[in-house]
Amino acid sequence: MLERVTADEIEGLRTFLGEVDLTLSGLDAPTVKLWTERAPDGAIVGSTGYELSGDGAHALIRSMAVAPGRRAAGAGSRLARFALDDAARSGARRAWLFSRRSGPFWQKLGFEPADRAELATVLSQTHQVRLFTETGQLDREVAWSRGLEDLSR
């Protein structure tokens, strides 16, 4: 079961995302919506989230991870769909993300290669885009996108 991350849980999520080599910028920002899934012992075994553009039309999917021992069992798809569904219910019409390693996974969920400059434009105020732009990492990233019209019903 997914639970919304509270301020008290940010450090645990930061540790989990650091272990799977994902971006930690802005995790504690009120504009970033995050959820975790926990094992019976309380350990984080999955996470997902997104941040909306200023106009709410675009969602940057981020912090989507599954603990190594739980991969290839459908958990990633379930976590990603949760974030996509929630973003669509929030009014987003298009989802975007960065992924250099997981393109085939995202393509199975309807994502297609996208223009990273367009992503950086429509989501310019998000924490991850600002970090990647400021550090020069944006030029090394691979962008993906999909419409959310089919999920907003």
C-alpha atoms as a PDB file:
ATOM      1  CA  MET A   1       0.000   0.000   0.000  1.00  0.00           C
ATOM      2  CA  LEU A   2       1.327   3.428  -0.940  1.00  0.00           C
ATOM      3  CA  GLU A   3       1.432   6.178   1.654  1.00  0.00           C
ATOM      4  CA  ARG A   4       2.045   9.878   1.138  1.00  0.00           C
ATOM      5  CA  VAL A   5       5.466  10.924   2.411  1.00  0.00           C
ATOM      6  CA  THR A   6       5.417  13.252   5.409  1.00  0.00           C
ATOM      7  CA  ALA A   7       8.130  15.724   6.450  1.00  0.00           C
ATOM      8  CA  ASP A   8       9.288  13.247   9.105  1.00  0.00           C
ATOM      9  CA  GLU A   9       9.889  10.577   6.439  1.00  0.00           C
ATOM     10  CA  ILE A  10      11.972  12.633   3.991  1.00  0.00           C
ATOM     11  CA  GLU A  11      15.334  11.500   5.370  1.00  0.00           C
ATOM     12  CA  GLY A  12      14.401   7.826   5.019  1.00  0.00           C
ATOM     13  CA  LEU A  13      13.265   8.438   1.443  1.00  0.00           C
ATOM     14  CA  ARG A  14      16.451  10.415   0.749  1.00  0.00           C
ATOM     15  CA  THR A  15      18.516   7.422   1.910  1.00  0.00           C
ATOM     16  CA  PHE A  16      16.484   5.004  -0.237  1.00  0.00           C
ATOM     17  CA  LEU A  17      16.723   7.162  -3.370  1.00  0.00           C
ATOM     18  CA  GLY A  18      20.437   7.716  -2.797  1.00  0.00           C
ATOM     19  CA  GLU A  19      20.967   3.952  -2.708  1.00  0.00           C
ATOM     20  CA  VAL A  20      19.284   3.583  -6.108  1.00  0.00           C
ATOM     21  CA  ASP A  21      21.089   6.655  -7.531  1.00  0.00           C
ATOM     22  CA  LEU A  22      18.144   8.984  -8.097  1.00  0.00           C
ATOM     23  CA  THR A  23      17.975  12.769  -7.770  1.00  0.00           C
ATOM     24  CA  LEU A  24      17.449  14.064  -4.237  1.00  0.00           C
ATOM     25  CA  SER A  25      16.791  17.727  -5.054  1.00  0.00           C
ATOM     26  CA  GLY A  26      13.577  19.213  -3.718  1.00  0.00           C
ATOM     27  CA  LEU A  27      12.273  16.153  -1.903  1.00  0.00           C
ATOM     28  CA  ASP A  28      11.092  18.324   0.967  1.00  0.00           C
ATOM     29  CA  ALA A  29       9.432  20.961  -1.243  1.00  0.00           C
ATOM     30  CA  PRO A  30       5.658  21.285  -0.878  1.00  0.00           C
ATOM     31  CA  THR A  31       5.283  21.192  -4.684  1.00  0.00           C
ATOM     32  CA  VAL A  32       6.735  17.668  -4.879  1.00  0.00           C
ATOM     33  CA  LYS A  33       4.210  14.898  -4.234  1.00  0.00           C
ATOM     34  CA  LEU A  34       5.821  11.674  -3.042  1.00  0.00           C
ATOM     35  CA  TRP A  35       4.631   8.254  -1.912  1.00  0.00           C
ATOM     36  CA  THR A  36       6.426   5.228  -0.521  1.00  0.00           C
ATOM     37  CA  GLU A  37       5.666   1.572  -0.215  1.00  0.00           C
ATOM     38  CA  ARG A  38       7.058  -0.256   2.793  1.00  0.00           C
ATOM     39  CA  ALA A  39       7.873  -3.840   3.667  1.00  0.00           C
ATOM     40  CA  PRO A  40       6.242  -5.359   6.767  1.00  0.00           C
ATOM     41  CA  ASP A  41       9.354  -4.373   8.752  1.00  0.00           C
ATOM     42  CA  GLY A  42       8.876  -0.715   7.762  1.00  0.00           C
ATOM     43  CA  ALA A  43      11.727  -0.521   5.247  1.00  0.00           C
ATOM     44  CA  ILE A  44      11.021   1.496   2.105  1.00  0.00           C
ATOM     45  CA  VAL A  45      10.819  -0.879  -0.864  1.00  0.00           C
ATOM     46  CA  GLY A  46       9.384   1.494  -3.459  1.00  0.00           C
ATOM     47  CA  SER A  47       8.695   5.140  -4.141  1.00  0.00           C
ATOM     48  CA  THR A  48       7.042   7.321  -6.714  1.00  0.00           C
ATOM     49  CA  GLY A  49       6.121  10.939  -7.186  1.00  0.00           C
ATOM     50  CA  TYR A  50       5.834  13.969  -9.396  1.00  0.00           C
ATOM     51  CA  GLU A  51       5.966  17.731  -9.500  1.00  0.00           C
ATOM     52  CA  LEU A  52       3.516  19.842 -11.517  1.00  0.00           C
ATOM     53  CA  SER A  53       4.367  22.774 -13.759  1.00  0.00           C
ATOM     54  CA  GLY A  54       3.225  26.205 -12.631  1.00  0.00           C
ATOM     55  CA  ASP A  55       0.112  26.001 -14.791  1.00  0.00           C
ATOM     56  CA  GLY A  56      -0.615  22.419 -13.702  1.00  0.00           C
ATOM     57  CA  ALA A  57      -0.705  21.113 -17.277  1.00  0.00           C
ATOM     58  CA  HIS A  58       2.558  19.146 -17.071  1.00  0.00           C
ATOM     59  CA  ALA A  59       3.878  16.652 -14.519  1.00  0.00           C
ATOM     60  CA  LEU A  60       7.511  15.710 -14.032  1.00  0.00           C
ATOM     61  CA  ILE A  61       7.519  12.097 -12.850  1.00  0.00           C
ATOM     62  CA  ARG A  62      10.340  11.592 -10.378  1.00  0.00           C
ATOM     63  CA  SER A  63      11.612   9.537  -7.472  1.00  0.00           C
ATOM     64  CA  MET A  64      10.188   6.353  -9.009  1.00  0.00           C
ATOM     65  CA  ALA A  65      12.214   3.449  -7.648  1.00  0.00           C
ATOM     66  CA  VAL A  66      11.886  -0.154  -6.555  1.00  0.00           C
ATOM     67  CA  ALA A  67      14.277  -1.889  -4.163  1.00  0.00           C
ATOM     68  CA  PRO A  68      16.605  -4.215  -6.119  1.00  0.00           C
ATOM     69  CA  GLY A  69      15.207  -7.413  -4.614  1.00  0.00           C
ATOM     70  CA  ARG A  70      11.666  -6.523  -5.665  1.00  0.00           C
ATOM     71  CA  ARG A  71      12.184  -5.635  -9.309  1.00  0.00           C
ATOM     72  CA  ALA A  72      10.745  -7.565 -12.273  1.00  0.00           C
ATOM     73  CA  ALA A  73       7.559  -8.387 -10.371  1.00  0.00           C
ATOM     74  CA  GLY A  74       5.370  -5.528 -11.637  1.00  0.00           C
ATOM     75  CA  ALA A  75       6.017  -3.185  -8.704  1.00  0.00           C
ATOM     76  CA  GLY A  76       7.611  -0.521 -10.909  1.00  0.00           C
ATOM     77  CA  SER A  77       4.690  -0.434 -13.317  1.00  0.00           C
ATOM     78  CA  ARG A  78       2.222  -0.221 -10.446  1.00  0.00           C
ATOM     79  CA  LEU A  79       4.162   2.645  -8.810  1.00  0.00           C
ATOM     80  CA  ALA A  80       4.515   4.531 -12.093  1.00  0.00           C
ATOM     81  CA  ARG A  81       0.815   4.132 -12.923  1.00  0.00           C
ATOM     82  CA  PHE A  82      -0.100   5.433  -9.486  1.00  0.00           C
ATOM     83  CA  ALA A  83       1.862   8.668 -10.074  1.00  0.00           C
ATOM     84  CA  LEU A  84       0.500   9.028 -13.616  1.00  0.00           C
ATOM     85  CA  ASP A  85      -3.099   8.519 -12.442  1.00  0.00           C
ATOM     86  CA  ASP A  86      -2.702  10.995  -9.589  1.00  0.00           C
ATOM     87  CA  ALA A  87      -1.094  13.591 -11.864  1.00  0.00           C
ATOM     88  CA  ALA A  88      -3.953  13.205 -14.352  1.00  0.00           C
ATOM     89  CA  ARG A  89      -6.532  13.585 -11.557  1.00  0.00           C
ATOM     90  CA  SER A  90      -4.666  16.752 -10.505  1.00  0.00           C
ATOM     91  CA  GLY A  91      -5.244  18.195 -13.987  1.00  0.00           C
ATOM     92  CA  ALA A  92      -1.961  17.427 -15.750  1.00  0.00           C
ATOM     93  CA  ARG A  93      -2.369  16.662 -19.440  1.00  0.00           C
ATOM     94  CA  ARG A  94       1.195  15.492 -20.149  1.00  0.00           C
ATOM     95  CA  ALA A  95       3.780  13.590 -18.114  1.00  0.00           C
ATOM     96  CA  TRP A  96       7.511  13.977 -18.605  1.00  0.00           C
ATOM     97  CA  LEU A  97      10.573  12.362 -17.072  1.00  0.00           C
ATOM     98  CA  PHE A  98      14.300  11.942 -17.378  1.00  0.00           C
ATOM     99  CA  SER A  99      15.752   8.450 -17.736  1.00  0.00           C
ATOM    100  CA  ARG A 100      19.057   7.419 -19.226  1.00  0.00           C
ATOM    101  CA  ARG A 101      18.779   3.780 -18.124  1.00  0.00           C
ATOM    102  CA  SER A 102      15.130   2.761 -18.163  1.00  0.00           C
ATOM    103  CA  GLY A 103      13.778   3.777 -21.558  1.00  0.00           C
ATOM    104  CA  PRO A 104      12.316   0.341 -22.404  1.00  0.00           C
ATOM    105  CA  PHE A 105      10.456   0.264 -19.074  1.00  0.00           C
ATOM    106  CA  TRP A 106       8.901   3.674 -19.686  1.00  0.00           C
ATOM    107  CA  GLN A 107       8.045   2.849 -23.309  1.00  0.00           C
ATOM    108  CA  LYS A 108       5.900  -0.056 -22.060  1.00  0.00           C
ATOM    109  CA  LEU A 109       3.923   2.554 -20.129  1.00  0.00           C
ATOM    110  CA  GLY A 110       3.301   4.663 -23.242  1.00  0.00           C
ATOM    111  CA  PHE A 111       6.235   7.067 -23.021  1.00  0.00           C
ATOM    112  CA  GLU A 112       8.065   8.156 -26.138  1.00  0.00           C
ATOM    113  CA  PRO A 113      11.412   9.934 -26.556  1.00  0.00           C
ATOM    114  CA  ALA A 114      10.940  13.661 -26.056  1.00  0.00           C
ATOM    115  CA  ASP A 115      12.818  16.894 -26.593  1.00  0.00           C
ATOM    116  CA  ARG A 116      14.656  17.681 -23.338  1.00  0.00           C
ATOM    117  CA  ALA A 117      14.674  21.412 -24.171  1.00  0.00           C
ATOM    118  CA  GLU A 118      10.870  21.326 -24.402  1.00  0.00           C
ATOM    119  CA  LEU A 119      10.720  19.453 -21.090  1.00  0.00           C
ATOM    120  CA  ALA A 120      13.027  22.059 -19.530  1.00  0.00           C
ATOM    121  CA  THR A 121      10.803  24.846 -20.864  1.00  0.00           C
ATOM    122  CA  VAL A 122       7.412  23.549 -19.708  1.00  0.00           C
ATOM    123  CA  LEU A 123       8.786  22.361 -16.348  1.00  0.00           C
ATOM    124  CA  SER A 124      11.378  25.096 -15.818  1.00  0.00           C
ATOM    125  CA  GLN A 125      10.401  25.773 -12.208  1.00  0.00           C
ATOM    126  CA  THR A 126      10.639  22.172 -11.006  1.00  0.00           C
ATOM    127  CA  HIS A 127      13.491  21.292  -8.687  1.00  0.00           C
ATOM    128  CA  GLN A 128      14.986  18.598 -10.892  1.00  0.00           C
ATOM    129  CA  VAL A 129      14.993  20.761 -14.034  1.00  0.00           C
ATOM    130  CA  ARG A 130      16.545  23.689 -12.172  1.00  0.00           C
ATOM    131  CA  LEU A 131      19.243  21.419 -10.716  1.00  0.00           C
ATOM    132  CA  PHE A 132      20.024  19.801 -14.078  1.00  0.00           C
ATOM    133  CA  THR A 133      20.151  23.201 -15.808  1.00  0.00           C
ATOM    134  CA  GLU A 134      22.384  24.798 -13.162  1.00  0.00           C
ATOM    135  CA  THR A 135      24.843  21.890 -13.089  1.00  0.00           C
ATOM    136  CA  GLY A 136      24.977  21.276 -16.855  1.00  0.00           C
ATOM    137  CA  GLN A 137      23.534  17.789 -16.374  1.00  0.00           C
ATOM    138  CA  LEU A 138      20.533  18.617 -18.569  1.00  0.00           C
ATOM    139  CA  ASP A 139      22.631  18.115 -21.717  1.00  0.00           C
ATOM    140  CA  ARG A 140      23.374  14.517 -20.661  1.00  0.00           C
ATOM    141  CA  GLU A 141      19.809  13.543 -19.853  1.00  0.00           C
ATOM    142  CA  VAL A 142      17.297  11.623 -21.956  1.00  0.00           C
ATOM    143  CA  ALA A 143      13.730  12.945 -21.872  1.00  0.00           C
ATOM    144  CA  TRP A 144      10.511  10.945 -22.219  1.00  0.00           C
ATOM    145  CA  SER A 145       6.889  12.043 -22.428  1.00  0.00           C
ATOM    146  CA  ARG A 146       3.326  10.813 -22.804  1.00  0.00           C
ATOM    147  CA  GLY A 147      -0.124  12.312 -22.809  1.00  0.00           C
ATOM    148  CA  LEU A 148      -2.427  11.718 -19.864  1.00  0.00           C
ATOM    149  CA  GLU A 149      -5.773  12.187 -21.586  1.00  0.00           C
ATOM    150  CA  ASP A 150      -6.603   8.495 -21.305  1.00  0.00           C
ATOM    151  CA  LEU A 151      -6.074   8.615 -17.523  1.00  0.00           C
ATOM    152  CA  SER A 152      -7.960  11.781 -16.606  1.00  0.00           C
ATOM    153  CA  ARG A 153     -11.431  10.259 -16.757  1.00  0.00           C
END
